[in-house]
Amino acid sequence: MFLAGLVFGAGLPILYAVAVRLVSGIATETADGTVKVEVHPLARVAAYAIFVLLALAILTGILWVAKDFLYAYTGFNLFGVAD
């Protein structure tokens, strides 16, 4: 239980921070004083993949909490553990 708390308690925010950092790119100042931000295509793909993973984890958590409600009102046993 401790490991799950550590992973979901600290792991998901860390993944979010990594994804935001990946998608932010590298800022460089040009000769005329303007700032140009370049994001590597693989970094963008990795960031979006992490965002999708985080969205799925959040959705799974919400559905896990609501599994008994869904079973009671719809009869749909989502994870196979509703009583």
PDB file of N, CA and C in Angstrom:
ATOM      1  N   MET A   1       0.821  -1.193   0.000  1.00  0.00           N
ATOM      2  CA  MET A   1       0.000   0.000   0.000  1.00  0.00           C
ATOM      3  C   MET A   1       0.867   1.260   0.000  1.00  0.00           C
ATOM      4  N   PHE A   2       1.995   1.168   0.688  1.00  0.00           N
ATOM      5  CA  PHE A   2       2.906   2.309   0.728  1.00  0.00           C
ATOM      6  C   PHE A   2       3.435   2.648  -0.658  1.00  0.00           C
ATOM      7  N   LEU A   3       3.774   1.614  -1.414  1.00  0.00           N
ATOM      8  CA  LEU A   3       4.315   1.841  -2.750  1.00  0.00           C
ATOM      9  C   LEU A   3       3.271   2.468  -3.672  1.00  0.00           C
ATOM     10  N   ALA A   4       2.022   2.011  -3.573  1.00  0.00           N
ATOM     11  CA  ALA A   4       0.962   2.601  -4.397  1.00  0.00           C
ATOM     12  C   ALA A   4       0.746   4.067  -4.033  1.00  0.00           C
ATOM     13  N   GLY A   5       0.776   4.367  -2.752  1.00  0.00           N
ATOM     14  CA  GLY A   5       0.638   5.756  -2.322  1.00  0.00           C
ATOM     15  C   GLY A   5       1.777   6.623  -2.813  1.00  0.00           C
ATOM     16  N   LEU A   6       2.977   6.054  -2.807  1.00  0.00           N
ATOM     17  CA  LEU A   6       4.134   6.799  -3.288  1.00  0.00           C
ATOM     18  C   LEU A   6       4.052   7.039  -4.790  1.00  0.00           C
ATOM     19  N   VAL A   7       3.665   6.003  -5.532  1.00  0.00           N
ATOM     20  CA  VAL A   7       3.583   6.124  -6.990  1.00  0.00           C
ATOM     21  C   VAL A   7       2.505   7.118  -7.391  1.00  0.00           C
ATOM     22  N   PHE A   8       1.300   6.965  -6.835  1.00  0.00           N
ATOM     23  CA  PHE A   8       0.209   7.847  -7.240  1.00  0.00           C
ATOM     24  C   PHE A   8       0.267   9.203  -6.543  1.00  0.00           C
ATOM     25  N   GLY A   9       0.827   9.236  -5.350  1.00  0.00           N
ATOM     26  CA  GLY A   9       0.910  10.498  -4.624  1.00  0.00           C
ATOM     27  C   GLY A   9       1.999  11.412  -5.142  1.00  0.00           C
ATOM     28  N   ALA A  10       3.131  10.839  -5.496  1.00  0.00           N
ATOM     29  CA  ALA A  10       4.251  11.644  -5.971  1.00  0.00           C
ATOM     30  C   ALA A  10       4.569  11.375  -7.436  1.00  0.00           C
ATOM     31  N   GLY A  11       4.274  10.179  -7.904  1.00  0.00           N
ATOM     32  CA  GLY A  11       4.640   9.797  -9.262  1.00  0.00           C
ATOM     33  C   GLY A  11       3.885  10.545 -10.329  1.00  0.00           C
ATOM     34  N   LEU A  12       2.586  10.696 -10.157  1.00  0.00           N
ATOM     35  CA  LEU A  12       1.790  11.391 -11.176  1.00  0.00           C
ATOM     36  C   LEU A  12       2.160  12.870 -11.298  1.00  0.00           C
ATOM     37  N   PRO A  13       2.327  13.593 -10.177  1.00  0.00           N
ATOM     38  CA  PRO A  13       2.782  14.987 -10.333  1.00  0.00           C
ATOM     39  C   PRO A  13       4.179  15.110 -10.944  1.00  0.00           C
ATOM     40  N   ILE A  14       5.053  14.156 -10.640  1.00  0.00           N
ATOM     41  CA  ILE A  14       6.389  14.185 -11.239  1.00  0.00           C
ATOM     42  C   ILE A  14       6.293  13.974 -12.749  1.00  0.00           C
ATOM     43  N   LEU A  15       5.455  13.015 -13.166  1.00  0.00           N
ATOM     44  CA  LEU A  15       5.261  12.798 -14.598  1.00  0.00           C
ATOM     45  C   LEU A  15       4.688  14.036 -15.277  1.00  0.00           C
ATOM     46  N   TYR A  16       3.757  14.698 -14.603  1.00  0.00           N
ATOM     47  CA  TYR A  16       3.185  15.928 -15.162  1.00  0.00           C
ATOM     48  C   TYR A  16       4.271  16.995 -15.332  1.00  0.00           C
ATOM     49  N   ALA A  17       5.125  17.142 -14.334  1.00  0.00           N
ATOM     50  CA  ALA A  17       6.199  18.131 -14.408  1.00  0.00           C
ATOM     51  C   ALA A  17       7.174  17.797 -15.544  1.00  0.00           C
ATOM     52  N   VAL A  18       7.477  16.525 -15.722  1.00  0.00           N
ATOM     53  CA  VAL A  18       8.364  16.114 -16.811  1.00  0.00           C
ATOM     54  C   VAL A  18       7.723  16.424 -18.160  1.00  0.00           C
ATOM     55  N   ALA A  19       6.427  16.139 -18.302  1.00  0.00           N
ATOM     56  CA  ALA A  19       5.736  16.404 -19.567  1.00  0.00           C
ATOM     57  C   ALA A  19       5.695  17.896 -19.873  1.00  0.00           C
ATOM     58  N   VAL A  20       5.426  18.711 -18.871  1.00  0.00           N
ATOM     59  CA  VAL A  20       5.400  20.165 -19.088  1.00  0.00           C
ATOM     60  C   VAL A  20       6.788  20.656 -19.500  1.00  0.00           C
ATOM     61  N   ARG A  21       7.818  20.114 -18.866  1.00  0.00           N
ATOM     62  CA  ARG A  21       9.181  20.514 -19.224  1.00  0.00           C
ATOM     63  C   ARG A  21       9.520  20.092 -20.650  1.00  0.00           C
ATOM     64  N   LEU A  22       9.087  18.896 -21.045  1.00  0.00           N
ATOM     65  CA  LEU A  22       9.366  18.425 -22.399  1.00  0.00           C
ATOM     66  C   LEU A  22       8.674  19.277 -23.457  1.00  0.00           C
ATOM     67  N   VAL A  23       7.452  19.669 -23.195  1.00  0.00           N
ATOM     68  CA  VAL A  23       6.688  20.412 -24.196  1.00  0.00           C
ATOM     69  C   VAL A  23       7.056  21.900 -24.208  1.00  0.00           C
ATOM     70  N   SER A  24       7.768  22.366 -23.183  1.00  0.00           N
ATOM     71  CA  SER A  24       8.101  23.792 -23.138  1.00  0.00           C
ATOM     72  C   SER A  24       9.226  24.156 -24.101  1.00  0.00           C
ATOM     73  N   GLY A  25      10.083  23.226 -24.424  1.00  0.00           N
ATOM     74  CA  GLY A  25      11.118  23.488 -25.419  1.00  0.00           C
ATOM     75  C   GLY A  25      12.276  24.292 -24.877  1.00  0.00           C
ATOM     76  N   ILE A  26      13.116  24.741 -25.805  1.00  0.00           N
ATOM     77  CA  ILE A  26      14.310  25.514 -25.462  1.00  0.00           C
ATOM     78  C   ILE A  26      14.176  26.900 -26.081  1.00  0.00           C
ATOM     79  N   ALA A  27      14.314  27.907 -25.259  1.00  0.00           N
ATOM     80  CA  ALA A  27      14.199  29.293 -25.731  1.00  0.00           C
ATOM     81  C   ALA A  27      15.578  29.829 -26.087  1.00  0.00           C
ATOM     82  N   THR A  28      15.663  30.441 -27.238  1.00  0.00           N
ATOM     83  CA  THR A  28      16.905  31.085 -27.663  1.00  0.00           C
ATOM     84  C   THR A  28      16.595  32.503 -28.120  1.00  0.00           C
ATOM     85  N   GLU A  29      17.528  33.401 -27.821  1.00  0.00           N
ATOM     86  CA  GLU A  29      17.354  34.794 -28.224  1.00  0.00           C
ATOM     87  C   GLU A  29      18.073  35.023 -29.546  1.00  0.00           C
ATOM     88  N   THR A  30      17.365  35.620 -30.477  1.00  0.00           N
ATOM     89  CA  THR A  30      17.955  35.898 -31.793  1.00  0.00           C
ATOM     90  C   THR A  30      18.733  37.218 -31.748  1.00  0.00           C
ATOM     91  N   ALA A  31      19.384  37.524 -32.848  1.00  0.00           N
ATOM     92  CA  ALA A  31      20.210  38.735 -32.911  1.00  0.00           C
ATOM     93  C   ALA A  31      19.400  40.013 -32.768  1.00  0.00           C
ATOM     94  N   ASP A  32      18.123  39.991 -33.231  1.00  0.00           N
ATOM     95  CA  ASP A  32      17.298  41.196 -33.131  1.00  0.00           C
ATOM     96  C   ASP A  32      16.573  41.317 -31.794  1.00  0.00           C
ATOM     97  N   GLY A  33      16.838  40.409 -30.849  1.00  0.00           N
ATOM     98  CA  GLY A  33      16.261  40.504 -29.506  1.00  0.00           C
ATOM     99  C   GLY A  33      14.983  39.721 -29.295  1.00  0.00           C
ATOM    100  N   THR A  34      14.453  39.092 -30.321  1.00  0.00           N
ATOM    101  CA  THR A  34      13.256  38.283 -30.140  1.00  0.00           C
ATOM    102  C   THR A  34      13.639  36.903 -29.600  1.00  0.00           C
ATOM    103  N   VAL A  35      12.693  36.288 -28.955  1.00  0.00           N
ATOM    104  CA  VAL A  35      12.920  34.967 -28.367  1.00  0.00           C
ATOM    105  C   VAL A  35      12.191  33.926 -29.205  1.00  0.00           C
ATOM    106  N   LYS A  36      12.915  32.889 -29.554  1.00  0.00           N
ATOM    107  CA  LYS A  36      12.335  31.804 -30.344  1.00  0.00           C
ATOM    108  C   LYS A  36      12.372  30.534 -29.506  1.00  0.00           C
ATOM    109  N   VAL A  37      11.226  29.842 -29.441  1.00  0.00           N
ATOM    110  CA  VAL A  37      11.137  28.602 -28.675  1.00  0.00           C
ATOM    111  C   VAL A  37      11.047  27.439 -29.644  1.00  0.00           C
ATOM    112  N   GLU A  38      11.959  26.499 -29.489  1.00  0.00           N
ATOM    113  CA  GLU A  38      11.976  25.319 -30.344  1.00  0.00           C
ATOM    114  C   GLU A  38      11.745  24.077 -29.487  1.00  0.00           C
ATOM    115  N   VAL A  39      10.816  23.253 -29.946  1.00  0.00           N
ATOM    116  CA  VAL A  39      10.517  22.003 -29.257  1.00  0.00           C
ATOM    117  C   VAL A  39      10.900  20.855 -30.178  1.00  0.00           C
ATOM    118  N   HIS A  40      11.707  19.965 -29.678  1.00  0.00           N
ATOM    119  CA  HIS A  40      12.107  18.805 -30.469  1.00  0.00           C
ATOM    120  C   HIS A  40      10.874  17.930 -30.711  1.00  0.00           C
ATOM    121  N   PRO A  41      10.680  17.423 -31.913  1.00  0.00           N
ATOM    122  CA  PRO A  41       9.484  16.620 -32.209  1.00  0.00           C
ATOM    123  C   PRO A  41       9.338  15.385 -31.310  1.00  0.00           C
ATOM    124  N   LEU A  42      10.446  14.717 -30.988  1.00  0.00           N
ATOM    125  CA  LEU A  42      10.353  13.553 -30.102  1.00  0.00           C
ATOM    126  C   LEU A  42       9.977  13.954 -28.676  1.00  0.00           C
ATOM    127  N   ALA A  43      10.437  15.116 -28.247  1.00  0.00           N
ATOM    128  CA  ALA A  43      10.068  15.612 -26.921  1.00  0.00           C
ATOM    129  C   ALA A  43       8.571  15.921 -26.873  1.00  0.00           C
ATOM    130  N   ARG A  44       8.048  16.484 -27.946  1.00  0.00           N
ATOM    131  CA  ARG A  44       6.614  16.783 -28.007  1.00  0.00           C
ATOM    132  C   ARG A  44       5.787  15.499 -27.974  1.00  0.00           C
ATOM    133  N   VAL A  45       6.220  14.498 -28.722  1.00  0.00           N
ATOM    134  CA  VAL A  45       5.501  13.207 -28.734  1.00  0.00           C
ATOM    135  C   VAL A  45       5.555  12.560 -27.360  1.00  0.00           C
ATOM    136  N   ALA A  46       6.719  12.597 -26.730  1.00  0.00           N
ATOM    137  CA  ALA A  46       6.852  12.012 -25.389  1.00  0.00           C
ATOM    138  C   ALA A  46       5.970  12.742 -24.381  1.00  0.00           C
ATOM    139  N   ALA A  47       5.930  14.063 -24.477  1.00  0.00           N
ATOM    140  CA  ALA A  47       5.098  14.842 -23.557  1.00  0.00           C
ATOM    141  C   ALA A  47       3.625  14.518 -23.743  1.00  0.00           C
ATOM    142  N   TYR A  48       3.172  14.441 -24.985  1.00  0.00           N
ATOM    143  CA  TYR A  48       1.770  14.109 -25.222  1.00  0.00           C
ATOM    144  C   TYR A  48       1.442  12.694 -24.774  1.00  0.00           C
ATOM    145  N   ALA A  49       2.384  11.771 -24.930  1.00  0.00           N
ATOM    146  CA  ALA A  49       2.165  10.403 -24.456  1.00  0.00           C
ATOM    147  C   ALA A  49       2.032  10.377 -22.934  1.00  0.00           C
ATOM    148  N   ILE A  50       2.831  11.165 -22.251  1.00  0.00           N
ATOM    149  CA  ILE A  50       2.731  11.244 -20.787  1.00  0.00           C
ATOM    150  C   ILE A  50       1.408  11.878 -20.387  1.00  0.00           C
ATOM    151  N   PHE A  51       0.979  12.920 -21.088  1.00  0.00           N
ATOM    152  CA  PHE A  51      -0.313  13.546 -20.780  1.00  0.00           C
ATOM    153  C   PHE A  51      -1.462  12.555 -20.964  1.00  0.00           C
ATOM    154  N   VAL A  52      -1.406  11.749 -22.006  1.00  0.00           N
ATOM    155  CA  VAL A  52      -2.445  10.732 -22.227  1.00  0.00           C
ATOM    156  C   VAL A  52      -2.415   9.701 -21.108  1.00  0.00           C
ATOM    157  N   LEU A  53      -1.232   9.268 -20.711  1.00  0.00           N
ATOM    158  CA  LEU A  53      -1.105   8.318 -19.609  1.00  0.00           C
ATOM    159  C   LEU A  53      -1.683   8.886 -18.317  1.00  0.00           C
ATOM    160  N   LEU A  54      -1.412  10.147 -18.051  1.00  0.00           N
ATOM    161  CA  LEU A  54      -1.955  10.789 -16.853  1.00  0.00           C
ATOM    162  C   LEU A  54      -3.474  10.894 -16.910  1.00  0.00           C
ATOM    163  N   ALA A  55      -4.010  11.243 -18.075  1.00  0.00           N
ATOM    164  CA  ALA A  55      -5.464  11.328 -18.218  1.00  0.00           C
ATOM    165  C   ALA A  55      -6.108   9.963 -17.998  1.00  0.00           C
ATOM    166  N   LEU A  56      -5.494   8.906 -18.516  1.00  0.00           N
ATOM    167  CA  LEU A  56      -6.029   7.555 -18.301  1.00  0.00           C
ATOM    168  C   LEU A  56      -5.954   7.149 -16.838  1.00  0.00           C
ATOM    169  N   ALA A  57      -4.879   7.515 -16.158  1.00  0.00           N
ATOM    170  CA  ALA A  57      -4.755   7.196 -14.735  1.00  0.00           C
ATOM    171  C   ALA A  57      -5.822   7.920 -13.922  1.00  0.00           C
ATOM    172  N   ILE A  58      -6.073   9.178 -14.239  1.00  0.00           N
ATOM    173  CA  ILE A  58      -7.098   9.943 -13.528  1.00  0.00           C
ATOM    174  C   ILE A  58      -8.489   9.379 -13.809  1.00  0.00           C
ATOM    175  N   LEU A  59      -8.765   9.066 -15.064  1.00  0.00           N
ATOM    176  CA  LEU A  59     -10.059   8.493 -15.426  1.00  0.00           C
ATOM    177  C   LEU A  59     -10.275   7.137 -14.750  1.00  0.00           C
ATOM    178  N   THR A  60      -9.232   6.317 -14.713  1.00  0.00           N
ATOM    179  CA  THR A  60      -9.335   5.019 -14.042  1.00  0.00           C
ATOM    180  C   THR A  60      -9.608   5.198 -12.559  1.00  0.00           C
ATOM    181  N   GLY A  61      -8.963   6.157 -11.934  1.00  0.00           N
ATOM    182  CA  GLY A  61      -9.205   6.426 -10.518  1.00  0.00           C
ATOM    183  C   GLY A  61     -10.629   6.879 -10.247  1.00  0.00           C
ATOM    184  N   ILE A  62     -11.152   7.743 -11.093  1.00  0.00           N
ATOM    185  CA  ILE A  62     -12.534   8.207 -10.920  1.00  0.00           C
ATOM    186  C   ILE A  62     -13.512   7.050 -11.099  1.00  0.00           C
ATOM    187  N   LEU A  63     -13.288   6.237 -12.128  1.00  0.00           N
ATOM    188  CA  LEU A  63     -14.172   5.095 -12.354  1.00  0.00           C
ATOM    189  C   LEU A  63     -14.061   4.067 -11.235  1.00  0.00           C
ATOM    190  N   TRP A  64     -12.873   3.904 -10.664  1.00  0.00           N
ATOM    191  CA  TRP A  64     -12.704   2.959  -9.556  1.00  0.00           C
ATOM    192  C   TRP A  64     -13.504   3.421  -8.338  1.00  0.00           C
ATOM    193  N   VAL A  65     -13.494   4.708  -8.067  1.00  0.00           N
ATOM    194  CA  VAL A  65     -14.254   5.238  -6.942  1.00  0.00           C
ATOM    195  C   VAL A  65     -15.752   5.096  -7.202  1.00  0.00           C
ATOM    196  N   ALA A  66     -16.178   5.262  -8.442  1.00  0.00           N
ATOM    197  CA  ALA A  66     -17.604   5.247  -8.783  1.00  0.00           C
ATOM    198  C   ALA A  66     -18.109   3.880  -9.224  1.00  0.00           C
ATOM    199  N   LYS A  67     -17.318   2.823  -9.066  1.00  0.00           N
ATOM    200  CA  LYS A  67     -17.707   1.508  -9.603  1.00  0.00           C
ATOM    201  C   LYS A  67     -18.980   0.967  -8.966  1.00  0.00           C
ATOM    202  N   ASP A  68     -19.155   1.144  -7.667  1.00  0.00           N
ATOM    203  CA  ASP A  68     -20.369   0.650  -7.020  1.00  0.00           C
ATOM    204  C   ASP A  68     -21.595   1.453  -7.449  1.00  0.00           C
ATOM    205  N   PHE A  69     -21.429   2.757  -7.605  1.00  0.00           N
ATOM    206  CA  PHE A  69     -22.524   3.592  -8.087  1.00  0.00           C
ATOM    207  C   PHE A  69     -22.934   3.178  -9.493  1.00  0.00           C
ATOM    208  N   LEU A  70     -21.955   2.971 -10.351  1.00  0.00           N
ATOM    209  CA  LEU A  70     -22.253   2.559 -11.729  1.00  0.00           C
ATOM    210  C   LEU A  70     -22.954   1.200 -11.756  1.00  0.00           C
ATOM    211  N   TYR A  71     -22.526   0.290 -10.889  1.00  0.00           N
ATOM    212  CA  TYR A  71     -23.145  -1.038 -10.847  1.00  0.00           C
ATOM    213  C   TYR A  71     -24.578  -0.951 -10.324  1.00  0.00           C
ATOM    214  N   ALA A  72     -24.795  -0.121  -9.302  1.00  0.00           N
ATOM    215  CA  ALA A  72     -26.126  -0.003  -8.708  1.00  0.00           C
ATOM    216  C   ALA A  72     -27.139   0.607  -9.668  1.00  0.00           C
ATOM    217  N   TYR A  73     -26.720   1.579 -10.455  1.00  0.00           N
ATOM    218  CA  TYR A  73     -27.661   2.288 -11.309  1.00  0.00           C
ATOM    219  C   TYR A  73     -27.716   1.787 -12.751  1.00  0.00           C
ATOM    220  N   THR A  74     -26.663   1.133 -13.202  1.00  0.00           N
ATOM    221  CA  THR A  74     -26.657   0.673 -14.588  1.00  0.00           C
ATOM    222  C   THR A  74     -26.530  -0.838 -14.723  1.00  0.00           C
ATOM    223  N   GLY A  75     -26.065  -1.506 -13.669  1.00  0.00           N
ATOM    224  CA  GLY A  75     -25.830  -2.944 -13.731  1.00  0.00           C
ATOM    225  C   GLY A  75     -24.537  -3.289 -14.434  1.00  0.00           C
ATOM    226  N   PHE A  76     -23.732  -2.296 -14.761  1.00  0.00           N
ATOM    227  CA  PHE A  76     -22.476  -2.504 -15.468  1.00  0.00           C
ATOM    228  C   PHE A  76     -21.351  -2.695 -14.448  1.00  0.00           C
ATOM    229  N   ASN A  77     -20.785  -3.908 -14.424  1.00  0.00           N
ATOM    230  CA  ASN A  77     -19.724  -4.240 -13.485  1.00  0.00           C
ATOM    231  C   ASN A  77     -18.385  -3.955 -14.162  1.00  0.00           C
ATOM    232  N   LEU A  78     -17.904  -2.734 -14.035  1.00  0.00           N
ATOM    233  CA  LEU A  78     -16.777  -2.225 -14.811  1.00  0.00           C
ATOM    234  C   LEU A  78     -15.484  -2.994 -14.592  1.00  0.00           C
ATOM    235  N   PHE A  79     -15.069  -3.155 -13.355  1.00  0.00           N
ATOM    236  CA  PHE A  79     -13.801  -3.808 -13.056  1.00  0.00           C
ATOM    237  C   PHE A  79     -13.996  -5.253 -12.589  1.00  0.00           C
ATOM    238  N   GLY A  80     -15.224  -5.716 -12.520  1.00  0.00           N
ATOM    239  CA  GLY A  80     -15.499  -7.075 -12.089  1.00  0.00           C
ATOM    240  C   GLY A  80     -15.421  -7.275 -10.590  1.00  0.00           C
ATOM    241  N   VAL A  81     -15.424  -6.205  -9.814  1.00  0.00           N
ATOM    242  CA  VAL A  81     -15.293  -6.332  -8.370  1.00  0.00           C
ATOM    243  C   VAL A  81     -16.430  -5.664  -7.597  1.00  0.00           C
ATOM    244  N   ALA A  82     -17.422  -5.123  -8.289  1.00  0.00           N
ATOM    245  CA  ALA A  82     -18.536  -4.464  -7.600  1.00  0.00           C
ATOM    246  C   ALA A  82     -19.402  -5.498  -6.919  1.00  0.00           C
ATOM    247  N   ASP A  83     -19.889  -5.142  -5.745  1.00  0.00           N
ATOM    248  CA  ASP A  83     -20.762  -6.065  -4.993  1.00  0.00           C
ATOM    249  C   ASP A  83     -22.203  -5.621  -5.061  1.00  0.00           C
TER     250      ASP A  83
END
